Amino acid sequence: MFHNEFCIFAAFLSTGKDHTDCGRPCDRHKVELRDRVGATFPVVADTGCRNTVFNSVAQSAAEYVGRMRDLGLRTFRIDLLRENAEQAKQLLDRYARVVAGLDDGRATWRELRVLNQLGVTRGTLQVV
């Protein structure tokens, strides 16, 4: 969903203030933010101590891969979050088939039961 320069791990799980003195609690803890309706949003720290807050539901652009290929795209990125090895293998195999044009992206998206949102949203932005 978004990237954040503020490190939730350092702020709440250590006495340090940043990567230089926090003890890297992100290597040992899983953190999720919970919204007002109970949905949980995983938070992951990268090597630069930036935090990425992921959506509560997996997203897929499989439905759009054919069109993107028609437009000349040949390299695609898949972010896996907390899948185990078997789940990762299954997802990578499925997406490889979609990218190769062997499977229909729309059918894959439906079978995975994930969001097919591509791009950005307004989120909770209210214009006043």
N, C-alpha and C. Protein backbone atom coordinates (compact mmCIF):
# COMPACT_ATOMS: atom_id res chain seq x y z
N MET A 1 0.82 -1.19 0.00
CA MET A 1 0.00 0.00 0.00
C MET A 1 0.86 1.25 0.00
N PHE A 2 1.84 1.31 0.94
CA PHE A 2 2.71 2.49 0.91
C PHE A 2 4.02 2.21 1.63
N HIS A 3 5.01 3.05 1.32
CA HIS A 3 6.32 2.98 1.96
C HIS A 3 6.42 4.12 2.96
N ASN A 4 7.21 3.89 3.99
CA ASN A 4 7.28 4.83 5.10
C ASN A 4 8.72 4.93 5.58
N GLU A 5 9.23 6.11 5.74
CA GLU A 5 10.59 6.31 6.26
C GLU A 5 10.64 6.11 7.78
N PHE A 6 9.52 6.21 8.44
CA PHE A 6 9.44 6.01 9.89
C PHE A 6 9.49 4.52 10.17
N CYS A 7 10.34 4.09 11.11
CA CYS A 7 10.45 2.67 11.41
C CYS A 7 9.61 2.32 12.62
N ILE A 8 8.52 1.62 12.36
CA ILE A 8 7.63 1.18 13.43
C ILE A 8 8.35 0.22 14.36
N PHE A 9 9.21 -0.63 13.81
CA PHE A 9 9.92 -1.62 14.62
C PHE A 9 10.84 -0.94 15.62
N ALA A 10 11.65 0.02 15.16
CA ALA A 10 12.57 0.72 16.06
C ALA A 10 11.81 1.53 17.10
N ALA A 11 10.72 2.16 16.68
CA ALA A 11 9.97 3.04 17.58
C ALA A 11 9.28 2.27 18.71
N PHE A 12 8.76 1.08 18.41
CA PHE A 12 7.93 0.38 19.40
C PHE A 12 8.52 -0.91 19.94
N LEU A 13 9.57 -1.42 19.32
CA LEU A 13 10.13 -2.70 19.77
C LEU A 13 11.59 -2.61 20.18
N SER A 14 12.09 -1.40 20.38
CA SER A 14 13.47 -1.24 20.84
C SER A 14 13.59 0.09 21.57
N THR A 15 14.72 0.26 22.21
CA THR A 15 15.00 1.54 22.86
C THR A 15 15.80 2.46 21.95
N GLY A 16 16.14 1.95 20.76
CA GLY A 16 16.89 2.75 19.79
C GLY A 16 15.98 3.67 19.02
N LYS A 17 16.62 4.49 18.17
CA LYS A 17 15.85 5.45 17.39
C LYS A 17 15.86 5.15 15.89
N ASP A 18 16.87 4.40 15.43
CA ASP A 18 16.96 4.05 14.01
C ASP A 18 17.86 2.83 13.86
N HIS A 19 18.24 2.51 12.61
CA HIS A 19 19.01 1.30 12.32
C HIS A 19 20.38 1.25 13.00
N THR A 20 20.89 2.38 13.42
CA THR A 20 22.22 2.38 14.03
C THR A 20 22.22 1.85 15.46
N ASP A 21 21.08 1.88 16.12
CA ASP A 21 21.06 1.44 17.51
C ASP A 21 19.79 0.70 17.94
N CYS A 22 19.02 0.23 17.00
CA CYS A 22 17.74 -0.41 17.33
C CYS A 22 17.86 -1.90 17.66
N GLY A 23 18.95 -2.55 17.22
CA GLY A 23 19.08 -3.98 17.44
C GLY A 23 18.32 -4.82 16.43
N ARG A 24 17.78 -4.21 15.40
CA ARG A 24 17.06 -4.87 14.30
C ARG A 24 15.93 -5.78 14.78
N PRO A 25 14.97 -5.25 15.54
CA PRO A 25 13.84 -6.08 15.96
C PRO A 25 13.02 -6.58 14.77
N CYS A 26 13.15 -5.94 13.62
CA CYS A 26 12.42 -6.37 12.41
C CYS A 26 12.85 -7.75 11.95
N ASP A 27 14.05 -8.19 12.37
CA ASP A 27 14.52 -9.52 11.99
C ASP A 27 13.87 -10.61 12.84
N ARG A 28 13.27 -10.23 13.96
CA ARG A 28 12.71 -11.21 14.89
C ARG A 28 11.20 -11.13 15.07
N HIS A 29 10.60 -10.01 14.70
CA HIS A 29 9.18 -9.80 14.99
C HIS A 29 8.38 -9.59 13.71
N LYS A 30 7.13 -10.04 13.76
CA LYS A 30 6.17 -9.74 12.69
C LYS A 30 5.23 -8.67 13.24
N VAL A 31 5.02 -7.62 12.44
CA VAL A 31 4.17 -6.52 12.87
C VAL A 31 3.04 -6.34 11.87
N GLU A 32 1.87 -6.10 12.39
CA GLU A 32 0.70 -5.79 11.56
C GLU A 32 -0.03 -4.61 12.19
N LEU A 33 -0.56 -3.75 11.34
CA LEU A 33 -1.42 -2.67 11.81
C LEU A 33 -2.86 -3.14 11.65
N ARG A 34 -3.71 -2.77 12.58
CA ARG A 34 -5.11 -3.17 12.51
C ARG A 34 -5.96 -1.91 12.36
N ASP A 35 -6.89 -1.96 11.41
CA ASP A 35 -7.76 -0.79 11.21
C ASP A 35 -9.02 -0.91 12.05
N ARG A 36 -9.90 0.05 11.91
CA ARG A 36 -11.09 0.15 12.76
C ARG A 36 -12.07 -0.99 12.58
N VAL A 37 -11.98 -1.73 11.46
CA VAL A 37 -12.89 -2.86 11.24
C VAL A 37 -12.21 -4.20 11.49
N GLY A 38 -10.97 -4.17 11.96
CA GLY A 38 -10.26 -5.39 12.31
C GLY A 38 -9.38 -5.98 11.23
N ALA A 39 -9.29 -5.35 10.06
CA ALA A 39 -8.41 -5.85 9.00
C ALA A 39 -6.96 -5.60 9.41
N THR A 40 -6.09 -6.55 9.14
CA THR A 40 -4.68 -6.41 9.50
C THR A 40 -3.83 -6.15 8.26
N PHE A 41 -2.87 -5.26 8.39
CA PHE A 41 -2.00 -4.82 7.31
C PHE A 41 -0.56 -5.12 7.70
N PRO A 42 0.07 -6.12 7.09
CA PRO A 42 1.45 -6.47 7.43
C PRO A 42 2.41 -5.32 7.16
N VAL A 43 3.39 -5.19 8.07
CA VAL A 43 4.44 -4.18 7.94
C VAL A 43 5.77 -4.92 7.84
N VAL A 44 6.56 -4.57 6.82
CA VAL A 44 7.85 -5.21 6.60
C VAL A 44 8.91 -4.12 6.46
N ALA A 45 10.04 -4.31 7.15
CA ALA A 45 11.16 -3.37 7.03
C ALA A 45 12.13 -3.87 5.97
N ASP A 46 12.66 -2.95 5.17
CA ASP A 46 13.67 -3.35 4.19
C ASP A 46 15.06 -3.10 4.77
N THR A 47 16.09 -3.36 3.99
CA THR A 47 17.46 -3.22 4.49
C THR A 47 17.83 -1.78 4.82
N GLY A 48 17.09 -0.81 4.27
CA GLY A 48 17.35 0.59 4.57
C GLY A 48 16.49 1.11 5.71
N CYS A 49 15.83 0.19 6.41
CA CYS A 49 14.97 0.50 7.55
C CYS A 49 13.75 1.33 7.17
N ARG A 50 13.36 1.27 5.92
CA ARG A 50 12.08 1.85 5.53
C ARG A 50 11.03 0.78 5.75
N ASN A 51 9.84 1.18 6.08
CA ASN A 51 8.76 0.22 6.30
C ASN A 51 7.78 0.27 5.14
N THR A 52 7.33 -0.90 4.72
CA THR A 52 6.28 -1.00 3.73
C THR A 52 5.06 -1.59 4.43
N VAL A 53 3.94 -0.91 4.29
CA VAL A 53 2.68 -1.40 4.82
C VAL A 53 1.93 -2.01 3.64
N PHE A 54 1.64 -3.29 3.75
CA PHE A 54 0.96 -4.01 2.68
C PHE A 54 -0.54 -4.04 2.92
N ASN A 55 -1.29 -4.23 1.86
CA ASN A 55 -2.73 -4.31 1.96
C ASN A 55 -3.12 -5.53 2.79
N SER A 56 -4.31 -5.50 3.36
CA SER A 56 -4.78 -6.63 4.17
C SER A 56 -5.16 -7.82 3.31
N VAL A 57 -5.41 -7.60 2.04
CA VAL A 57 -5.77 -8.65 1.10
C VAL A 57 -4.76 -8.62 -0.06
N ALA A 58 -4.31 -9.80 -0.45
CA ALA A 58 -3.36 -9.87 -1.56
C ALA A 58 -3.96 -9.25 -2.82
N GLN A 59 -3.10 -8.66 -3.63
CA GLN A 59 -3.52 -8.03 -4.88
C GLN A 59 -2.84 -8.73 -6.05
N SER A 60 -3.46 -8.67 -7.20
CA SER A 60 -2.89 -9.29 -8.38
C SER A 60 -3.23 -8.46 -9.61
N ALA A 61 -2.27 -8.38 -10.51
CA ALA A 61 -2.50 -7.74 -11.80
C ALA A 61 -2.52 -8.78 -12.91
N ALA A 62 -2.74 -10.06 -12.54
CA ALA A 62 -2.73 -11.14 -13.53
C ALA A 62 -3.69 -10.86 -14.67
N GLU A 63 -4.82 -10.26 -14.35
CA GLU A 63 -5.83 -9.95 -15.36
C GLU A 63 -5.29 -9.02 -16.45
N TYR A 64 -4.30 -8.22 -16.13
CA TYR A 64 -3.78 -7.21 -17.05
C TYR A 64 -2.48 -7.61 -17.74
N VAL A 65 -1.94 -8.77 -17.40
CA VAL A 65 -0.64 -9.17 -17.94
C VAL A 65 -0.66 -9.26 -19.46
N GLY A 66 -1.70 -9.84 -20.04
CA GLY A 66 -1.76 -9.94 -21.50
C GLY A 66 -1.68 -8.58 -22.17
N ARG A 67 -2.41 -7.63 -21.66
CA ARG A 67 -2.40 -6.27 -22.23
C ARG A 67 -1.03 -5.62 -22.04
N MET A 68 -0.43 -5.82 -20.87
CA MET A 68 0.90 -5.25 -20.62
C MET A 68 1.93 -5.86 -21.57
N ARG A 69 1.82 -7.15 -21.83
CA ARG A 69 2.72 -7.80 -22.80
C ARG A 69 2.51 -7.21 -24.18
N ASP A 70 1.24 -6.98 -24.56
CA ASP A 70 0.94 -6.38 -25.86
C ASP A 70 1.57 -5.00 -25.99
N LEU A 71 1.70 -4.30 -24.88
CA LEU A 71 2.30 -2.97 -24.88
C LEU A 71 3.83 -3.00 -24.82
N GLY A 72 4.40 -4.22 -24.74
CA GLY A 72 5.85 -4.35 -24.80
C GLY A 72 6.53 -4.68 -23.49
N LEU A 73 5.79 -4.81 -22.41
CA LEU A 73 6.42 -5.17 -21.14
C LEU A 73 6.85 -6.62 -21.17
N ARG A 74 8.05 -6.89 -20.69
CA ARG A 74 8.55 -8.26 -20.67
C ARG A 74 9.05 -8.67 -19.28
N THR A 75 9.17 -7.73 -18.39
CA THR A 75 9.65 -8.03 -17.04
C THR A 75 8.55 -7.68 -16.05
N PHE A 76 8.26 -8.62 -15.17
CA PHE A 76 7.20 -8.44 -14.18
C PHE A 76 7.76 -8.73 -12.80
N ARG A 77 7.16 -8.15 -11.80
CA ARG A 77 7.61 -8.31 -10.42
C ARG A 77 6.49 -8.94 -9.60
N ILE A 78 6.86 -9.88 -8.78
CA ILE A 78 5.92 -10.52 -7.87
C ILE A 78 6.46 -10.33 -6.46
N ASP A 79 5.67 -9.72 -5.61
CA ASP A 79 6.04 -9.57 -4.21
C ASP A 79 5.36 -10.66 -3.41
N LEU A 80 6.16 -11.47 -2.75
CA LEU A 80 5.63 -12.48 -1.85
C LEU A 80 5.91 -11.98 -0.43
N LEU A 81 4.98 -12.20 0.44
CA LEU A 81 5.11 -11.60 1.76
C LEU A 81 5.43 -12.61 2.85
N ARG A 82 4.52 -13.48 3.13
CA ARG A 82 4.72 -14.44 4.22
C ARG A 82 4.38 -15.86 3.79
N GLU A 83 4.49 -16.12 2.50
CA GLU A 83 4.21 -17.44 1.99
C GLU A 83 5.33 -18.40 2.36
N ASN A 84 4.97 -19.65 2.61
CA ASN A 84 6.00 -20.66 2.84
C ASN A 84 6.54 -21.10 1.47
N ALA A 85 7.52 -21.99 1.48
CA ALA A 85 8.19 -22.39 0.24
C ALA A 85 7.21 -23.00 -0.76
N GLU A 86 6.32 -23.86 -0.31
CA GLU A 86 5.38 -24.52 -1.22
C GLU A 86 4.39 -23.52 -1.81
N GLN A 87 3.88 -22.62 -0.97
CA GLN A 87 2.95 -21.60 -1.46
C GLN A 87 3.65 -20.69 -2.47
N ALA A 88 4.89 -20.32 -2.19
CA ALA A 88 5.65 -19.46 -3.11
C ALA A 88 5.85 -20.16 -4.45
N LYS A 89 6.22 -21.43 -4.41
CA LYS A 89 6.42 -22.18 -5.65
C LYS A 89 5.14 -22.23 -6.47
N GLN A 90 4.02 -22.51 -5.83
CA GLN A 90 2.75 -22.58 -6.54
C GLN A 90 2.39 -21.24 -7.19
N LEU A 91 2.57 -20.15 -6.43
CA LEU A 91 2.25 -18.83 -6.99
C LEU A 91 3.18 -18.48 -8.14
N LEU A 92 4.47 -18.72 -7.98
CA LEU A 92 5.43 -18.40 -9.05
C LEU A 92 5.15 -19.22 -10.30
N ASP A 93 4.81 -20.49 -10.12
CA ASP A 93 4.47 -21.32 -11.27
C ASP A 93 3.23 -20.79 -11.98
N ARG A 94 2.21 -20.40 -11.21
CA ARG A 94 0.97 -19.88 -11.81
C ARG A 94 1.23 -18.60 -12.59
N TYR A 95 1.98 -17.68 -11.98
CA TYR A 95 2.25 -16.42 -12.66
C TYR A 95 3.16 -16.61 -13.86
N ALA A 96 4.09 -17.56 -13.78
CA ALA A 96 4.95 -17.84 -14.94
C ALA A 96 4.10 -18.29 -16.12
N ARG A 97 3.09 -19.08 -15.88
CA ARG A 97 2.20 -19.54 -16.95
C ARG A 97 1.39 -18.37 -17.53
N VAL A 98 0.97 -17.44 -16.66
CA VAL A 98 0.23 -16.27 -17.15
C VAL A 98 1.15 -15.40 -18.00
N VAL A 99 2.35 -15.15 -17.51
CA VAL A 99 3.30 -14.30 -18.25
C VAL A 99 3.68 -14.93 -19.58
N ALA A 100 3.79 -16.26 -19.61
CA ALA A 100 4.13 -16.96 -20.86
C ALA A 100 2.95 -17.05 -21.82
N GLY A 101 1.77 -16.63 -21.37
CA GLY A 101 0.59 -16.69 -22.22
C GLY A 101 -0.08 -18.05 -22.25
N LEU A 102 0.31 -18.94 -21.34
CA LEU A 102 -0.26 -20.29 -21.31
C LEU A 102 -1.57 -20.35 -20.52
N ASP A 103 -1.73 -19.46 -19.56
CA ASP A 103 -2.96 -19.41 -18.75
C ASP A 103 -3.58 -18.03 -18.86
N ASP A 104 -4.87 -17.98 -18.72
CA ASP A 104 -5.60 -16.73 -18.76
C ASP A 104 -5.44 -15.98 -17.43
N GLY A 105 -5.02 -14.74 -17.50
CA GLY A 105 -4.81 -13.94 -16.30
C GLY A 105 -6.08 -13.69 -15.51
N ARG A 106 -7.18 -13.47 -16.21
CA ARG A 106 -8.45 -13.21 -15.52
C ARG A 106 -8.89 -14.45 -14.74
N ALA A 107 -8.77 -15.62 -15.34
CA ALA A 107 -9.14 -16.85 -14.65
C ALA A 107 -8.21 -17.09 -13.45
N THR A 108 -6.94 -16.82 -13.63
CA THR A 108 -5.98 -16.98 -12.53
C THR A 108 -6.33 -16.06 -11.39
N TRP A 109 -6.62 -14.79 -11.70
CA TRP A 109 -7.00 -13.84 -10.66
C TRP A 109 -8.23 -14.33 -9.90
N ARG A 110 -9.23 -14.80 -10.61
CA ARG A 110 -10.45 -15.28 -9.96
C ARG A 110 -10.18 -16.49 -9.08
N GLU A 111 -9.36 -17.40 -9.56
CA GLU A 111 -9.05 -18.61 -8.80
C GLU A 111 -8.25 -18.29 -7.54
N LEU A 112 -7.40 -17.29 -7.60
CA LEU A 112 -6.61 -16.91 -6.44
C LEU A 112 -7.44 -16.16 -5.39
N ARG A 113 -8.58 -15.63 -5.82
CA ARG A 113 -9.48 -14.89 -4.92
C ARG A 113 -8.76 -13.72 -4.22
N VAL A 114 -8.12 -12.90 -5.04
CA VAL A 114 -7.41 -11.73 -4.54
C VAL A 114 -7.96 -10.49 -5.24
N LEU A 115 -7.56 -9.32 -4.76
CA LEU A 115 -7.98 -8.08 -5.40
C LEU A 115 -7.30 -7.95 -6.75
N ASN A 116 -7.99 -7.39 -7.72
CA ASN A 116 -7.38 -7.17 -9.03
C ASN A 116 -7.10 -5.69 -9.25
N GLN A 117 -6.79 -5.03 -8.19
CA GLN A 117 -6.55 -3.60 -8.25
C GLN A 117 -5.15 -3.31 -8.79
N LEU A 118 -5.07 -2.39 -9.69
CA LEU A 118 -3.80 -2.02 -10.26
C LEU A 118 -3.70 -0.50 -10.20
N GLY A 119 -2.59 0.01 -9.75
CA GLY A 119 -2.42 1.45 -9.68
C GLY A 119 -2.57 1.97 -8.27
N VAL A 120 -3.13 3.15 -8.13
CA VAL A 120 -3.26 3.77 -6.82
C VAL A 120 -4.73 4.05 -6.52
N THR A 121 -5.01 4.24 -5.25
CA THR A 121 -6.37 4.56 -4.84
C THR A 121 -6.35 5.87 -4.06
N ARG A 122 -7.53 6.41 -3.84
CA ARG A 122 -7.64 7.61 -3.02
C ARG A 122 -7.53 7.27 -1.55
N GLY A 123 -7.80 6.01 -1.17
CA GLY A 123 -7.74 5.62 0.23
C GLY A 123 -8.76 6.40 1.04
N THR A 124 -8.32 6.94 2.15
CA THR A 124 -9.24 7.68 3.02
C THR A 124 -9.17 9.18 2.77
N LEU A 125 -8.54 9.58 1.67
CA LEU A 125 -8.39 11.00 1.38
C LEU A 125 -9.76 11.68 1.22
N GLN A 126 -9.93 12.74 1.94
CA GLN A 126 -11.14 13.55 1.81
C GLN A 126 -10.71 14.98 1.43
N VAL A 127 -11.32 15.49 0.42
CA VAL A 127 -11.03 16.86 0.00
C VAL A 127 -12.02 17.75 0.73
N VAL A 128 -11.49 18.75 1.44
CA VAL A 128 -12.36 19.68 2.17
C VAL A 128 -12.26 21.08 1.61
